[in-house]
Amino acid sequence: MSKIKIDQSFIREIASDGSDKAIVQSIIAMSQSLGVAVIAEGVETTDQQKILLYLGCSNFQGYLFGKPMSIELFNQTINKFKYH
């Protein structure tokens, strides 16, 4: 499946910069019309996430959800949630 990633430079000021919000909204609309998934990069606040959800984006990357980590630490973290 094809995906479009929205660069964090547009996400960073989405709550306060109307131009960034308009660009993000256009990217999301274009992606939806093409049937392509959208991922917002650099989501760090709940305000950013709420705006993105309102605009139709539901895939996120960023510090709001977790800091970068090694694959070993990721696997250890995931294994804590597995049912045995």
PDB file of N, CA and C in Angstrom:
ATOM      1  N   MET A   1       0.845  -1.188   0.000  1.00  0.00           N
ATOM      2  CA  MET A   1       0.000   0.000   0.000  1.00  0.00           C
ATOM      3  C   MET A   1       0.886   1.246   0.000  1.00  0.00           C
ATOM      4  N   SER A   2       0.559   2.179  -0.844  1.00  0.00           N
ATOM      5  CA  SER A   2       1.302   3.439  -0.902  1.00  0.00           C
ATOM      6  C   SER A   2       0.944   4.320   0.280  1.00  0.00           C
ATOM      7  N   LYS A   3       1.925   5.102   0.700  1.00  0.00           N
ATOM      8  CA  LYS A   3       1.720   6.020   1.821  1.00  0.00           C
ATOM      9  C   LYS A   3       2.388   7.352   1.515  1.00  0.00           C
ATOM     10  N   ILE A   4       1.818   8.396   2.051  1.00  0.00           N
ATOM     11  CA  ILE A   4       2.425   9.727   1.987  1.00  0.00           C
ATOM     12  C   ILE A   4       2.706  10.158   3.415  1.00  0.00           C
ATOM     13  N   LYS A   5       3.926  10.603   3.651  1.00  0.00           N
ATOM     14  CA  LYS A   5       4.305  11.072   4.981  1.00  0.00           C
ATOM     15  C   LYS A   5       4.349  12.605   4.954  1.00  0.00           C
ATOM     16  N   ILE A   6       3.656  13.226   5.892  1.00  0.00           N
ATOM     17  CA  ILE A   6       3.674  14.689   6.023  1.00  0.00           C
ATOM     18  C   ILE A   6       4.849  15.051   6.907  1.00  0.00           C
ATOM     19  N   ASP A   7       5.763  15.840   6.384  1.00  0.00           N
ATOM     20  CA  ASP A   7       6.976  16.208   7.095  1.00  0.00           C
ATOM     21  C   ASP A   7       6.664  16.977   8.375  1.00  0.00           C
ATOM     22  N   GLN A   8       7.488  16.726   9.386  1.00  0.00           N
ATOM     23  CA  GLN A   8       7.301  17.377  10.683  1.00  0.00           C
ATOM     24  C   GLN A   8       7.376  18.900  10.603  1.00  0.00           C
ATOM     25  N   SER A   9       8.026  19.441   9.596  1.00  0.00           N
ATOM     26  CA  SER A   9       8.113  20.899   9.481  1.00  0.00           C
ATOM     27  C   SER A   9       6.734  21.532   9.290  1.00  0.00           C
ATOM     28  N   PHE A  10       5.787  20.781   8.720  1.00  0.00           N
ATOM     29  CA  PHE A  10       4.413  21.272   8.576  1.00  0.00           C
ATOM     30  C   PHE A  10       3.589  21.001   9.828  1.00  0.00           C
ATOM     31  N   ILE A  11       3.946  19.970  10.557  1.00  0.00           N
ATOM     32  CA  ILE A  11       3.195  19.580  11.756  1.00  0.00           C
ATOM     33  C   ILE A  11       3.547  20.469  12.946  1.00  0.00           C
ATOM     34  N   ARG A  12       4.795  20.858  13.030  1.00  0.00           N
ATOM     35  CA  ARG A  12       5.320  21.585  14.199  1.00  0.00           C
ATOM     36  C   ARG A  12       4.450  22.788  14.581  1.00  0.00           C
ATOM     37  N   GLU A  13       4.036  23.599  13.633  1.00  0.00           N
ATOM     38  CA  GLU A  13       3.279  24.820  13.927  1.00  0.00           C
ATOM     39  C   GLU A  13       1.822  24.747  13.448  1.00  0.00           C
ATOM     40  N   ILE A  14       1.311  23.542  13.257  1.00  0.00           N
ATOM     41  CA  ILE A  14      -0.032  23.385  12.691  1.00  0.00           C
ATOM     42  C   ILE A  14      -1.114  24.075  13.535  1.00  0.00           C
ATOM     43  N   ALA A  15      -0.906  24.156  14.843  1.00  0.00           N
ATOM     44  CA  ALA A  15      -1.905  24.770  15.730  1.00  0.00           C
ATOM     45  C   ALA A  15      -1.884  26.294  15.665  1.00  0.00           C
ATOM     46  N   SER A  16      -0.786  26.876  15.193  1.00  0.00           N
ATOM     47  CA  SER A  16      -0.676  28.339  15.214  1.00  0.00           C
ATOM     48  C   SER A  16      -0.430  28.972  13.850  1.00  0.00           C
ATOM     49  N   ASP A  17      -0.098  28.195  12.849  1.00  0.00           N
ATOM     50  CA  ASP A  17       0.222  28.728  11.519  1.00  0.00           C
ATOM     51  C   ASP A  17      -0.827  28.259  10.516  1.00  0.00           C
ATOM     52  N   GLY A  18      -1.652  29.182  10.082  1.00  0.00           N
ATOM     53  CA  GLY A  18      -2.723  28.852   9.142  1.00  0.00           C
ATOM     54  C   GLY A  18      -2.211  28.280   7.828  1.00  0.00           C
ATOM     55  N   SER A  19      -1.044  28.724   7.389  1.00  0.00           N
ATOM     56  CA  SER A  19      -0.476  28.208   6.140  1.00  0.00           C
ATOM     57  C   SER A  19      -0.101  26.737   6.279  1.00  0.00           C
ATOM     58  N   ASP A  20       0.541  26.389   7.392  1.00  0.00           N
ATOM     59  CA  ASP A  20       0.894  24.988   7.619  1.00  0.00           C
ATOM     60  C   ASP A  20      -0.358  24.125   7.691  1.00  0.00           C
ATOM     61  N   LYS A  21      -1.373  24.614   8.367  1.00  0.00           N
ATOM     62  CA  LYS A  21      -2.620  23.862   8.479  1.00  0.00           C
ATOM     63  C   LYS A  21      -3.255  23.662   7.104  1.00  0.00           C
ATOM     64  N   ALA A  22      -3.241  24.695   6.275  1.00  0.00           N
ATOM     65  CA  ALA A  22      -3.821  24.595   4.932  1.00  0.00           C
ATOM     66  C   ALA A  22      -3.045  23.603   4.060  1.00  0.00           C
ATOM     67  N   ILE A  23      -1.727  23.615   4.174  1.00  0.00           N
ATOM     68  CA  ILE A  23      -0.905  22.674   3.411  1.00  0.00           C
ATOM     69  C   ILE A  23      -1.207  21.247   3.844  1.00  0.00           C
ATOM     70  N   VAL A  24      -1.260  21.024   5.147  1.00  0.00           N
ATOM     71  CA  VAL A  24      -1.554  19.682   5.671  1.00  0.00           C
ATOM     72  C   VAL A  24      -2.944  19.236   5.235  1.00  0.00           C
ATOM     73  N   GLN A  25      -3.905  20.117   5.313  1.00  0.00           N
ATOM     74  CA  GLN A  25      -5.270  19.795   4.906  1.00  0.00           C
ATOM     75  C   GLN A  25      -5.303  19.411   3.425  1.00  0.00           C
ATOM     76  N   SER A  26      -4.565  20.127   2.592  1.00  0.00           N
ATOM     77  CA  SER A  26      -4.509  19.825   1.158  1.00  0.00           C
ATOM     78  C   SER A  26      -3.854  18.470   0.898  1.00  0.00           C
ATOM     79  N   ILE A  27      -2.774  18.181   1.615  1.00  0.00           N
ATOM     80  CA  ILE A  27      -2.092  16.888   1.457  1.00  0.00           C
ATOM     81  C   ILE A  27      -3.026  15.746   1.837  1.00  0.00           C
ATOM     82  N   ILE A  28      -3.731  15.912   2.934  1.00  0.00           N
ATOM     83  CA  ILE A  28      -4.663  14.871   3.390  1.00  0.00           C
ATOM     84  C   ILE A  28      -5.785  14.684   2.366  1.00  0.00           C
ATOM     85  N   ALA A  29      -6.365  15.770   1.884  1.00  0.00           N
ATOM     86  CA  ALA A  29      -7.454  15.677   0.904  1.00  0.00           C
ATOM     87  C   ALA A  29      -6.984  15.012  -0.388  1.00  0.00           C
ATOM     88  N   MET A  30      -5.804  15.394  -0.856  1.00  0.00           N
ATOM     89  CA  MET A  30      -5.255  14.805  -2.071  1.00  0.00           C
ATOM     90  C   MET A  30      -5.016  13.311  -1.873  1.00  0.00           C
ATOM     91  N   SER A  31      -4.456  12.955  -0.739  1.00  0.00           N
ATOM     92  CA  SER A  31      -4.170  11.554  -0.451  1.00  0.00           C
ATOM     93  C   SER A  31      -5.444  10.727  -0.387  1.00  0.00           C
ATOM     94  N   GLN A  32      -6.456  11.275   0.258  1.00  0.00           N
ATOM     95  CA  GLN A  32      -7.732  10.568   0.357  1.00  0.00           C
ATOM     96  C   GLN A  32      -8.355  10.359  -1.022  1.00  0.00           C
ATOM     97  N   SER A  33      -8.267  11.368  -1.876  1.00  0.00           N
ATOM     98  CA  SER A  33      -8.851  11.238  -3.213  1.00  0.00           C
ATOM     99  C   SER A  33      -8.107  10.214  -4.060  1.00  0.00           C
ATOM    100  N   LEU A  34      -6.832   9.992  -3.756  1.00  0.00           N
ATOM    101  CA  LEU A  34      -6.028   9.003  -4.483  1.00  0.00           C
ATOM    102  C   LEU A  34      -6.051   7.630  -3.812  1.00  0.00           C
ATOM    103  N   GLY A  35      -6.669   7.539  -2.636  1.00  0.00           N
ATOM    104  CA  GLY A  35      -6.716   6.281  -1.906  1.00  0.00           C
ATOM    105  C   GLY A  35      -5.384   5.894  -1.299  1.00  0.00           C
ATOM    106  N   VAL A  36      -4.604   6.907  -0.906  1.00  0.00           N
ATOM    107  CA  VAL A  36      -3.280   6.688  -0.343  1.00  0.00           C
ATOM    108  C   VAL A  36      -3.308   7.036   1.140  1.00  0.00           C
ATOM    109  N   ALA A  37      -2.717   6.180   1.955  1.00  0.00           N
ATOM    110  CA  ALA A  37      -2.650   6.428   3.399  1.00  0.00           C
ATOM    111  C   ALA A  37      -1.723   7.606   3.696  1.00  0.00           C
ATOM    112  N   VAL A  38      -2.027   8.332   4.783  1.00  0.00           N
ATOM    113  CA  VAL A  38      -1.232   9.489   5.193  1.00  0.00           C
ATOM    114  C   VAL A  38      -0.687   9.242   6.593  1.00  0.00           C
ATOM    115  N   ILE A  39       0.581   9.593   6.788  1.00  0.00           N
ATOM    116  CA  ILE A  39       1.224   9.496   8.095  1.00  0.00           C
ATOM    117  C   ILE A  39       1.790  10.867   8.435  1.00  0.00           C
ATOM    118  N   ALA A  40       1.435  11.389   9.599  1.00  0.00           N
ATOM    119  CA  ALA A  40       1.966  12.669  10.068  1.00  0.00           C
ATOM    120  C   ALA A  40       3.212  12.399  10.906  1.00  0.00           C
ATOM    121  N   GLU A  41       4.302  13.025  10.531  1.00  0.00           N
ATOM    122  CA  GLU A  41       5.590  12.830  11.195  1.00  0.00           C
ATOM    123  C   GLU A  41       5.830  13.957  12.199  1.00  0.00           C
ATOM    124  N   GLY A  42       6.419  13.629  13.334  1.00  0.00           N
ATOM    125  CA  GLY A  42       6.812  14.650  14.303  1.00  0.00           C
ATOM    126  C   GLY A  42       5.683  15.165  15.174  1.00  0.00           C
ATOM    127  N   VAL A  43       4.680  14.327  15.443  1.00  0.00           N
ATOM    128  CA  VAL A  43       3.569  14.730  16.301  1.00  0.00           C
ATOM    129  C   VAL A  43       4.057  14.681  17.751  1.00  0.00           C
ATOM    130  N   GLU A  44       4.031  15.834  18.407  1.00  0.00           N
ATOM    131  CA  GLU A  44       4.562  15.930  19.768  1.00  0.00           C
ATOM    132  C   GLU A  44       3.547  16.375  20.803  1.00  0.00           C
ATOM    133  N   THR A  45       2.401  16.896  20.375  1.00  0.00           N
ATOM    134  CA  THR A  45       1.407  17.383  21.331  1.00  0.00           C
ATOM    135  C   THR A  45       0.023  16.819  21.008  1.00  0.00           C
ATOM    136  N   THR A  46      -0.828  16.806  22.032  1.00  0.00           N
ATOM    137  CA  THR A  46      -2.201  16.353  21.802  1.00  0.00           C
ATOM    138  C   THR A  46      -2.958  17.336  20.921  1.00  0.00           C
ATOM    139  N   ASP A  47      -2.618  18.622  20.974  1.00  0.00           N
ATOM    140  CA  ASP A  47      -3.260  19.604  20.086  1.00  0.00           C
ATOM    141  C   ASP A  47      -2.973  19.272  18.623  1.00  0.00           C
ATOM    142  N   GLN A  48      -1.730  18.940  18.314  1.00  0.00           N
ATOM    143  CA  GLN A  48      -1.383  18.552  16.943  1.00  0.00           C
ATOM    144  C   GLN A  48      -2.174  17.323  16.529  1.00  0.00           C
ATOM    145  N   GLN A  49      -2.238  16.339  17.408  1.00  0.00           N
ATOM    146  CA  GLN A  49      -2.964  15.113  17.101  1.00  0.00           C
ATOM    147  C   GLN A  49      -4.450  15.389  16.866  1.00  0.00           C
ATOM    148  N   LYS A  50      -5.058  16.203  17.710  1.00  0.00           N
ATOM    149  CA  LYS A  50      -6.478  16.526  17.565  1.00  0.00           C
ATOM    150  C   LYS A  50      -6.756  17.220  16.241  1.00  0.00           C
ATOM    151  N   ILE A  51      -5.914  18.154  15.860  1.00  0.00           N
ATOM    152  CA  ILE A  51      -6.091  18.858  14.586  1.00  0.00           C
ATOM    153  C   ILE A  51      -5.972  17.882  13.428  1.00  0.00           C
ATOM    154  N   LEU A  52      -4.955  17.026  13.478  1.00  0.00           N
ATOM    155  CA  LEU A  52      -4.760  16.049  12.415  1.00  0.00           C
ATOM    156  C   LEU A  52      -5.944  15.086  12.310  1.00  0.00           C
ATOM    157  N   LEU A  53      -6.454  14.630  13.439  1.00  0.00           N
ATOM    158  CA  LEU A  53      -7.635  13.766  13.425  1.00  0.00           C
ATOM    159  C   LEU A  53      -8.818  14.495  12.796  1.00  0.00           C
ATOM    160  N   TYR A  54      -9.018  15.746  13.169  1.00  0.00           N
ATOM    161  CA  TYR A  54     -10.111  16.545  12.613  1.00  0.00           C
ATOM    162  C   TYR A  54      -9.972  16.686  11.096  1.00  0.00           C
ATOM    163  N   LEU A  55      -8.731  16.820  10.627  1.00  0.00           N
ATOM    164  CA  LEU A  55      -8.481  16.985   9.197  1.00  0.00           C
ATOM    165  C   LEU A  55      -8.538  15.658   8.432  1.00  0.00           C
ATOM    166  N   GLY A  56      -8.599  14.543   9.163  1.00  0.00           N
ATOM    167  CA  GLY A  56      -8.749  13.251   8.507  1.00  0.00           C
ATOM    168  C   GLY A  56      -7.519  12.370   8.510  1.00  0.00           C
ATOM    169  N   CYS A  57      -6.516  12.734   9.267  1.00  0.00           N
ATOM    170  CA  CYS A  57      -5.297  11.922   9.375  1.00  0.00           C
ATOM    171  C   CYS A  57      -5.337  11.141  10.683  1.00  0.00           C
ATOM    172  N   SER A  58      -5.152   9.826  10.598  1.00  0.00           N
ATOM    173  CA  SER A  58      -5.201   9.017  11.816  1.00  0.00           C
ATOM    174  C   SER A  58      -3.958   8.153  12.018  1.00  0.00           C
ATOM    175  N   ASN A  59      -2.907   8.432  11.264  1.00  0.00           N
ATOM    176  CA  ASN A  59      -1.637   7.717  11.420  1.00  0.00           C
ATOM    177  C   ASN A  59      -0.563   8.716  11.822  1.00  0.00           C
ATOM    178  N   PHE A  60       0.147   8.404  12.902  1.00  0.00           N
ATOM    179  CA  PHE A  60       1.084   9.372  13.473  1.00  0.00           C
ATOM    180  C   PHE A  60       2.408   8.733  13.840  1.00  0.00           C
ATOM    181  N   GLN A  61       3.439   9.562  13.818  1.00  0.00           N
ATOM    182  CA  GLN A  61       4.744   9.228  14.372  1.00  0.00           C
ATOM    183  C   GLN A  61       5.170  10.422  15.201  1.00  0.00           C
ATOM    184  N   GLY A  62       5.863  10.190  16.283  1.00  0.00           N
ATOM    185  CA  GLY A  62       6.395  11.315  17.042  1.00  0.00           C
ATOM    186  C   GLY A  62       6.527  11.032  18.522  1.00  0.00           C
ATOM    187  N   TYR A  63       7.153  11.969  19.200  1.00  0.00           N
ATOM    188  CA  TYR A  63       7.434  11.843  20.628  1.00  0.00           C
ATOM    189  C   TYR A  63       6.182  11.729  21.477  1.00  0.00           C
ATOM    190  N   LEU A  64       5.038  12.175  20.972  1.00  0.00           N
ATOM    191  CA  LEU A  64       3.800  12.017  21.736  1.00  0.00           C
ATOM    192  C   LEU A  64       3.539  10.532  22.018  1.00  0.00           C
ATOM    193  N   PHE A  65       3.990   9.667  21.132  1.00  0.00           N
ATOM    194  CA  PHE A  65       3.712   8.240  21.238  1.00  0.00           C
ATOM    195  C   PHE A  65       4.895   7.431  21.732  1.00  0.00           C
ATOM    196  N   GLY A  66       6.082   7.986  21.641  1.00  0.00           N
ATOM    197  CA  GLY A  66       7.258   7.272  22.123  1.00  0.00           C
ATOM    198  C   GLY A  66       8.526   7.849  21.528  1.00  0.00           C
ATOM    199  N   LYS A  67       9.569   7.754  22.283  1.00  0.00           N
ATOM    200  CA  LYS A  67      10.877   8.227  21.832  1.00  0.00           C
ATOM    201  C   LYS A  67      11.546   7.133  20.986  1.00  0.00           C
ATOM    202  N   PRO A  68      12.466   7.521  20.104  1.00  0.00           N
ATOM    203  CA  PRO A  68      13.185   6.508  19.327  1.00  0.00           C
ATOM    204  C   PRO A  68      13.908   5.538  20.257  1.00  0.00           C
ATOM    205  N   MET A  69      13.945   4.258  19.842  1.00  0.00           N
ATOM    206  CA  MET A  69      14.607   3.244  20.661  1.00  0.00           C
ATOM    207  C   MET A  69      15.187   2.171  19.750  1.00  0.00           C
ATOM    208  N   SER A  70      16.109   1.421  20.305  1.00  0.00           N
ATOM    209  CA  SER A  70      16.707   0.316  19.559  1.00  0.00           C
ATOM    210  C   SER A  70      15.662  -0.770  19.339  1.00  0.00           C
ATOM    211  N   ILE A  71      15.911  -1.607  18.352  1.00  0.00           N
ATOM    212  CA  ILE A  71      14.993  -2.711  18.081  1.00  0.00           C
ATOM    213  C   ILE A  71      14.937  -3.671  19.265  1.00  0.00           C
ATOM    214  N   GLU A  72      16.055  -3.829  19.968  1.00  0.00           N
ATOM    215  CA  GLU A  72      16.077  -4.712  21.128  1.00  0.00           C
ATOM    216  C   GLU A  72      15.146  -4.194  22.222  1.00  0.00           C
ATOM    217  N   LEU A  73      15.216  -2.894  22.515  1.00  0.00           N
ATOM    218  CA  LEU A  73      14.351  -2.298  23.529  1.00  0.00           C
ATOM    219  C   LEU A  73      12.890  -2.332  23.083  1.00  0.00           C
ATOM    220  N   PHE A  74      12.649  -2.097  21.806  1.00  0.00           N
ATOM    221  CA  PHE A  74      11.293  -2.168  21.269  1.00  0.00           C
ATOM    222  C   PHE A  74      10.715  -3.566  21.488  1.00  0.00           C
ATOM    223  N   ASN A  75      11.485  -4.585  21.145  1.00  0.00           N
ATOM    224  CA  ASN A  75      11.018  -5.969  21.322  1.00  0.00           C
ATOM    225  C   ASN A  75      10.747  -6.284  22.787  1.00  0.00           C
ATOM    226  N   GLN A  76      11.607  -5.809  23.691  1.00  0.00           N
ATOM    227  CA  GLN A  76      11.385  -6.017  25.120  1.00  0.00           C
ATOM    228  C   GLN A  76      10.089  -5.348  25.562  1.00  0.00           C
ATOM    229  N   THR A  77       9.849  -4.150  25.080  1.00  0.00           N
ATOM    230  CA  THR A  77       8.638  -3.398  25.446  1.00  0.00           C
ATOM    231  C   THR A  77       7.394  -4.101  24.928  1.00  0.00           C
ATOM    232  N   ILE A  78       7.421  -4.532  23.676  1.00  0.00           N
ATOM    233  CA  ILE A  78       6.279  -5.227  23.084  1.00  0.00           C
ATOM    234  C   ILE A  78       5.999  -6.538  23.814  1.00  0.00           C
ATOM    235  N   ASN A  79       7.062  -7.255  24.166  1.00  0.00           N
ATOM    236  CA  ASN A  79       6.894  -8.545  24.844  1.00  0.00           C
ATOM    237  C   ASN A  79       6.214  -8.415  26.201  1.00  0.00           C
ATOM    238  N   LYS A  80       6.300  -7.264  26.818  1.00  0.00           N
ATOM    239  CA  LYS A  80       5.628  -7.051  28.106  1.00  0.00           C
ATOM    240  C   LYS A  80       4.116  -7.124  27.966  1.00  0.00           C
ATOM    241  N   PHE A  81       3.612  -6.849  26.758  1.00  0.00           N
ATOM    242  CA  PHE A  81       2.176  -6.780  26.542  1.00  0.00           C
ATOM    243  C   PHE A  81       1.593  -8.058  25.921  1.00  0.00           C
ATOM    244  N   LYS A  82       2.442  -8.987  25.600  1.00  0.00           N
ATOM    245  CA  LYS A  82       1.955 -10.250  25.023  1.00  0.00           C
ATOM    246  C   LYS A  82       1.352 -11.115  26.116  1.00  0.00           C
ATOM    247  N   TYR A  83       0.311 -11.851  25.744  1.00  0.00           N
ATOM    248  CA  TYR A  83      -0.326 -12.792  26.670  1.00  0.00           C
ATOM    249  C   TYR A  83       0.353 -14.144  26.530  1.00  0.00           C
ATOM    250  N   HIS A  84       0.595 -14.772  27.639  1.00  0.00           N
ATOM    251  CA  HIS A  84       1.243 -16.090  27.610  1.00  0.00           C
ATOM    252  C   HIS A  84       0.256 -17.161  27.946  1.00  0.00           C
TER     253      HIS A  84
END
